[in-house]
N, C-alpha and C. Protein backbone atom coordinates (compact mmCIF):
# COMPACT_ATOMS: atom_id res chain seq x y z
N MET A 1 15.09 77.54 58.09
CA MET A 1 16.22 78.70 57.78
C MET A 1 17.35 78.81 58.78
N LYS A 2 18.44 78.76 58.23
CA LYS A 2 19.58 78.98 59.07
C LYS A 2 19.78 80.24 59.64
N ASN A 3 20.09 80.17 61.14
CA ASN A 3 20.39 81.50 61.77
C ASN A 3 21.75 82.00 61.27
N LYS A 4 21.80 83.35 61.07
CA LYS A 4 23.00 84.03 60.47
C LYS A 4 23.42 84.93 61.61
N LEU A 5 24.78 84.82 61.89
CA LEU A 5 25.44 85.66 62.83
C LEU A 5 25.85 87.00 62.10
N ILE A 6 25.44 88.11 62.44
CA ILE A 6 25.88 89.37 61.91
C ILE A 6 27.03 89.88 62.82
N GLU A 7 28.14 90.02 62.12
CA GLU A 7 29.31 90.39 62.85
C GLU A 7 29.17 91.95 63.25
N ARG A 8 29.39 92.20 64.54
CA ARG A 8 29.25 93.57 64.87
C ARG A 8 30.68 94.00 65.51
N LYS A 9 31.68 93.99 64.53
CA LYS A 9 33.12 94.11 64.90
C LYS A 9 33.35 95.60 65.53
N GLU A 10 32.71 96.48 64.90
CA GLU A 10 32.81 97.86 65.53
C GLU A 10 32.43 98.01 66.86
N TYR A 11 31.30 97.33 67.27
CA TYR A 11 30.85 97.27 68.64
C TYR A 11 31.76 96.49 69.40
N LEU A 12 32.21 95.30 69.11
CA LEU A 12 33.06 94.58 69.81
C LEU A 12 34.32 95.19 70.12
N ASP A 13 34.84 95.78 69.11
CA ASP A 13 36.23 96.57 69.36
C ASP A 13 36.08 97.64 70.33
N LYS A 14 34.99 98.33 70.10
CA LYS A 14 34.63 99.54 71.29
C LYS A 14 34.62 98.96 72.71
N LEU A 15 33.90 97.86 72.88
CA LEU A 15 33.67 96.96 74.02
C LEU A 15 34.97 96.65 74.58
N LEU A 16 35.85 96.10 73.80
CA LEU A 16 37.19 95.47 73.98
C LEU A 16 38.12 96.56 74.45
N SER A 17 37.95 97.83 74.03
CA SER A 17 38.80 98.88 74.40
C SER A 17 38.64 99.23 75.72
N TYR A 18 37.55 98.92 76.40
CA TYR A 18 37.31 99.28 77.77
C TYR A 18 37.51 97.88 78.72
N ARG A 19 38.05 96.80 78.08
CA ARG A 19 38.10 95.57 78.80
C ARG A 19 38.80 95.56 80.21
N ASP A 20 40.06 96.07 80.31
CA ASP A 20 40.67 96.03 81.52
C ASP A 20 40.74 97.39 82.28
N LYS A 21 39.67 98.26 81.90
CA LYS A 21 39.64 99.54 82.64
C LYS A 21 38.66 99.28 83.87
N ASP A 22 38.87 100.02 84.82
CA ASP A 22 37.98 99.97 86.13
C ASP A 22 36.68 100.62 85.99
N ILE A 23 35.79 100.29 85.04
CA ILE A 23 34.56 100.91 84.88
C ILE A 23 33.63 99.80 84.43
N ILE A 24 32.34 99.96 84.79
CA ILE A 24 31.48 98.89 84.64
C ILE A 24 30.77 99.14 83.13
N LYS A 25 30.86 98.07 82.37
CA LYS A 25 30.30 98.18 80.96
C LYS A 25 28.93 97.73 80.86
N VAL A 26 28.03 98.47 80.31
CA VAL A 26 26.61 98.34 80.13
C VAL A 26 26.23 98.20 78.69
N VAL A 27 25.79 97.16 78.14
CA VAL A 27 25.46 97.09 76.80
C VAL A 27 23.76 97.28 76.64
N THR A 28 23.27 98.33 76.11
CA THR A 28 21.94 98.43 75.99
C THR A 28 21.43 98.62 74.52
N GLY A 29 20.21 98.24 74.30
CA GLY A 29 19.57 98.24 72.78
C GLY A 29 18.33 97.68 72.66
N LEU A 30 17.68 97.77 71.55
CA LEU A 30 16.44 97.31 71.23
C LEU A 30 16.48 95.77 71.51
N ARG A 31 15.22 95.28 71.78
CA ARG A 31 15.03 93.78 71.95
C ARG A 31 15.49 93.04 70.61
N ARG A 32 16.19 91.93 70.65
CA ARG A 32 16.50 91.05 69.71
C ARG A 32 17.56 91.85 68.73
N SER A 33 18.41 92.91 69.19
CA SER A 33 19.28 93.64 68.36
C SER A 33 20.70 93.07 68.42
N GLY A 34 21.02 91.90 69.12
CA GLY A 34 22.22 91.30 69.23
C GLY A 34 23.06 91.55 70.38
N LYS A 35 22.33 92.14 71.40
CA LYS A 35 23.21 92.27 72.67
C LYS A 35 23.78 91.04 73.18
N SER A 36 23.19 90.07 73.35
CA SER A 36 23.50 88.67 73.81
C SER A 36 24.64 88.16 73.11
N THR A 37 24.62 88.27 71.71
CA THR A 37 25.51 87.75 70.78
C THR A 37 26.84 88.54 70.91
N LEU A 38 26.74 89.85 71.18
CA LEU A 38 27.95 90.73 71.52
C LEU A 38 28.65 90.23 72.61
N LEU A 39 27.85 90.15 73.64
CA LEU A 39 28.51 89.70 75.01
C LEU A 39 28.95 88.38 74.90
N GLU A 40 28.38 87.47 74.20
CA GLU A 40 28.96 86.13 74.13
C GLU A 40 30.43 86.18 73.48
N LEU A 41 30.45 87.06 72.29
CA LEU A 41 31.75 87.31 71.83
C LEU A 41 32.85 87.94 72.76
N PHE A 42 32.26 88.77 73.37
CA PHE A 42 33.10 89.59 74.55
C PHE A 42 33.52 88.55 75.63
N ARG A 43 32.86 87.67 76.07
CA ARG A 43 33.06 86.72 77.05
C ARG A 43 33.96 85.76 76.59
N SER A 44 34.24 85.59 75.45
CA SER A 44 35.20 84.50 74.81
C SER A 44 36.57 85.11 74.64
N VAL A 45 36.77 86.41 74.91
CA VAL A 45 38.13 86.98 74.74
C VAL A 45 38.86 86.87 76.08
N LYS A 46 40.27 86.65 75.83
CA LYS A 46 41.15 86.53 77.06
C LYS A 46 41.14 87.71 77.95
N ASN A 47 41.19 87.53 79.19
CA ASN A 47 41.22 88.40 80.27
C ASN A 47 42.74 89.01 80.29
N GLY A 48 42.98 89.84 81.24
CA GLY A 48 44.16 90.77 81.22
C GLY A 48 45.39 89.90 81.46
N ASN A 49 45.27 88.56 82.01
CA ASN A 49 46.36 87.72 82.35
C ASN A 49 46.68 86.83 81.16
N GLY A 50 45.79 86.79 80.06
CA GLY A 50 45.87 86.02 78.88
C GLY A 50 45.02 84.74 79.14
N GLU A 51 44.32 84.58 80.22
CA GLU A 51 43.41 83.47 80.45
C GLU A 51 41.94 83.66 80.02
N ILE A 52 41.26 82.68 79.71
CA ILE A 52 39.83 82.79 79.30
C ILE A 52 38.91 82.58 80.43
N GLU A 53 38.04 83.30 80.74
CA GLU A 53 37.00 83.11 81.68
C GLU A 53 35.62 83.50 81.08
N TYR A 54 34.65 82.65 81.35
CA TYR A 54 33.27 82.91 80.85
C TYR A 54 32.45 83.55 81.95
N TYR A 55 31.62 84.39 81.54
CA TYR A 55 30.59 85.05 82.56
C TYR A 55 29.14 85.08 81.78
N GLN A 56 28.28 84.71 82.69
CA GLN A 56 26.88 84.87 82.32
C GLN A 56 26.18 85.89 83.45
N VAL A 57 25.56 86.83 83.15
CA VAL A 57 25.01 87.70 84.20
C VAL A 57 23.45 87.70 84.24
N SER A 58 22.91 87.67 85.34
CA SER A 58 21.45 87.61 85.27
C SER A 58 21.01 88.32 86.57
N TRP A 59 19.85 89.05 86.50
CA TRP A 59 19.52 89.82 87.75
C TRP A 59 19.19 88.78 88.83
N GLU A 60 18.35 87.78 88.61
CA GLU A 60 17.99 86.73 89.49
C GLU A 60 17.65 85.47 88.82
N ILE A 61 17.88 84.38 89.48
CA ILE A 61 17.78 82.88 88.93
C ILE A 61 16.78 82.30 89.87
N SER A 62 15.80 82.93 90.47
CA SER A 62 15.00 82.12 91.52
C SER A 62 14.11 81.22 90.94
N SER A 63 13.52 81.43 89.68
CA SER A 63 12.62 80.42 89.11
C SER A 63 13.38 79.33 88.36
N THR A 64 12.89 78.20 88.28
CA THR A 64 13.43 77.07 87.59
C THR A 64 13.74 77.27 86.13
N GLU A 65 12.71 77.99 85.55
CA GLU A 65 12.93 78.41 84.10
C GLU A 65 14.08 79.32 83.85
N THR A 66 14.15 80.42 84.76
CA THR A 66 15.28 81.27 84.59
C THR A 66 16.67 80.59 84.84
N LYS A 67 16.72 79.76 85.85
CA LYS A 67 17.90 79.07 86.28
C LYS A 67 18.47 78.32 85.10
N GLU A 68 17.54 77.56 84.33
CA GLU A 68 17.92 76.75 83.23
C GLU A 68 18.30 77.62 82.17
N ARG A 69 17.77 78.67 81.85
CA ARG A 69 18.12 79.58 80.76
C ARG A 69 19.45 80.25 80.91
N GLU A 70 19.79 80.51 82.39
CA GLU A 70 21.08 81.22 82.56
C GLU A 70 22.18 80.27 82.56
N PHE A 71 21.99 78.97 83.04
CA PHE A 71 23.11 78.03 83.11
C PHE A 71 23.49 77.46 81.85
N MET A 72 22.25 77.26 80.90
CA MET A 72 22.54 76.54 79.74
C MET A 72 23.66 77.11 78.79
N PRO A 73 23.82 78.46 78.57
CA PRO A 73 24.79 78.87 77.70
C PRO A 73 26.29 78.46 78.15
N LEU A 74 26.51 78.40 79.42
CA LEU A 74 27.71 77.99 79.90
C LEU A 74 27.92 76.43 79.93
N GLU A 75 26.86 75.74 80.16
CA GLU A 75 27.05 74.37 80.02
C GLU A 75 27.21 73.79 78.75
N THR A 76 26.96 74.57 77.61
CA THR A 76 27.13 74.10 76.23
C THR A 76 28.77 74.39 75.83
N VAL A 77 29.46 75.22 76.59
CA VAL A 77 30.81 75.51 76.30
C VAL A 77 31.60 74.22 76.81
N ASN A 78 32.31 73.47 75.82
CA ASN A 78 33.01 72.32 76.18
C ASN A 78 34.49 72.51 76.18
N ASP A 79 34.88 73.19 77.33
CA ASP A 79 36.34 73.33 77.52
C ASP A 79 36.40 73.47 79.10
N ASN A 80 37.61 73.59 79.55
CA ASN A 80 38.00 73.56 80.91
C ASN A 80 38.29 74.95 81.58
N TYR A 81 37.93 76.00 80.83
CA TYR A 81 38.19 77.33 81.44
C TYR A 81 37.16 77.66 82.44
N PRO A 82 37.44 78.48 83.41
CA PRO A 82 36.40 78.80 84.44
C PRO A 82 35.17 79.59 83.91
N LYS A 83 34.07 79.16 84.49
CA LYS A 83 32.73 79.67 84.10
C LYS A 83 32.05 80.14 85.23
N PHE A 84 31.38 81.45 85.25
CA PHE A 84 30.80 82.05 86.28
C PHE A 84 29.40 82.42 85.98
N LEU A 85 28.55 82.29 86.79
CA LEU A 85 27.05 82.90 86.62
C LEU A 85 27.02 83.98 87.74
N LEU A 86 26.72 85.16 87.46
CA LEU A 86 26.71 86.30 88.42
C LEU A 86 25.24 86.69 88.44
N SER A 87 24.71 86.80 89.75
CA SER A 87 23.34 87.41 89.85
C SER A 87 23.39 88.16 91.18
N THR A 88 22.15 88.68 91.42
CA THR A 88 21.98 89.49 92.66
C THR A 88 21.63 88.57 93.94
N GLU A 89 21.33 87.32 93.75
CA GLU A 89 21.11 86.37 94.77
C GLU A 89 22.43 86.14 95.70
N SER A 90 22.17 85.97 96.94
CA SER A 90 23.39 85.85 97.90
C SER A 90 23.61 84.40 98.34
N PHE A 91 22.74 83.48 97.91
CA PHE A 91 22.94 82.01 98.14
C PHE A 91 23.47 81.28 96.91
N PRO A 92 24.70 80.68 97.14
CA PRO A 92 25.34 80.02 95.88
C PRO A 92 24.42 78.87 95.33
N GLN A 93 24.40 78.80 94.09
CA GLN A 93 23.59 77.75 93.33
C GLN A 93 24.68 77.19 92.30
N SER A 94 25.83 76.95 92.53
CA SER A 94 26.75 76.39 91.50
C SER A 94 26.31 75.06 91.05
N ARG A 95 26.72 74.77 89.88
CA ARG A 95 26.25 73.36 89.19
C ARG A 95 27.14 73.12 88.11
N ALA A 96 27.49 71.88 87.78
CA ALA A 96 28.28 71.46 86.67
C ALA A 96 29.60 72.14 86.54
N GLY A 97 30.21 72.53 87.59
CA GLY A 97 31.41 73.20 87.49
C GLY A 97 31.32 74.67 87.16
N ILE A 98 30.14 75.11 87.03
CA ILE A 98 29.88 76.63 86.89
C ILE A 98 29.57 77.18 88.17
N ILE A 99 30.43 78.32 88.57
CA ILE A 99 30.45 78.88 89.85
C ILE A 99 29.40 79.97 89.94
N HIS A 100 28.48 79.90 90.79
CA HIS A 100 27.44 81.06 90.89
C HIS A 100 28.06 82.04 92.01
N LYS A 101 28.14 83.37 91.67
CA LYS A 101 28.59 84.41 92.68
C LYS A 101 27.55 85.47 92.59
N ASN A 102 27.60 86.18 93.89
CA ASN A 102 26.77 87.37 93.89
C ASN A 102 27.42 88.47 93.03
N VAL A 103 26.81 89.14 92.23
CA VAL A 103 27.43 90.08 91.34
C VAL A 103 28.06 91.19 92.08
N PHE A 104 27.54 91.57 93.29
CA PHE A 104 27.92 92.62 94.04
C PHE A 104 29.18 92.45 94.70
N GLU A 105 29.21 91.19 95.37
CA GLU A 105 30.50 90.67 96.00
C GLU A 105 31.60 90.41 95.06
N TRP A 106 31.07 89.91 93.79
CA TRP A 106 32.26 89.77 92.65
C TRP A 106 32.82 91.19 92.29
N LEU A 107 31.95 92.16 92.19
CA LEU A 107 32.57 93.44 91.83
C LEU A 107 33.50 94.03 92.92
N LEU A 108 33.14 93.87 94.16
CA LEU A 108 34.03 94.37 95.08
C LEU A 108 35.34 93.56 95.28
N ASP A 109 35.34 92.28 94.88
CA ASP A 109 36.51 91.59 94.82
C ASP A 109 37.50 91.88 93.71
N LYS A 110 36.98 92.54 92.69
CA LYS A 110 37.82 92.92 91.54
C LYS A 110 38.70 93.99 91.78
């Protein structure tokens, strides 16, 4: 069976309306309700400078399984735009051109 993407245009438009505002955006919902897909669509939109940047956010990536799961979506993007993995860990674990940053330090730099 082929996976179908259900477009959530109204949710994406709502999220994009807050894109360049100085507030933290939190997407919540039931398990398997499309939050990750929505955030992937949001990530692929240009930033305020008209440049594309990709972000993957994880609470922690201390286990090998979690690290693989969190880096994989960014590793599958075949372009040269900046890619970032944000987590609560303070030691950098960058790989394959993907920059790992502490999410709290990243928020303070913004």
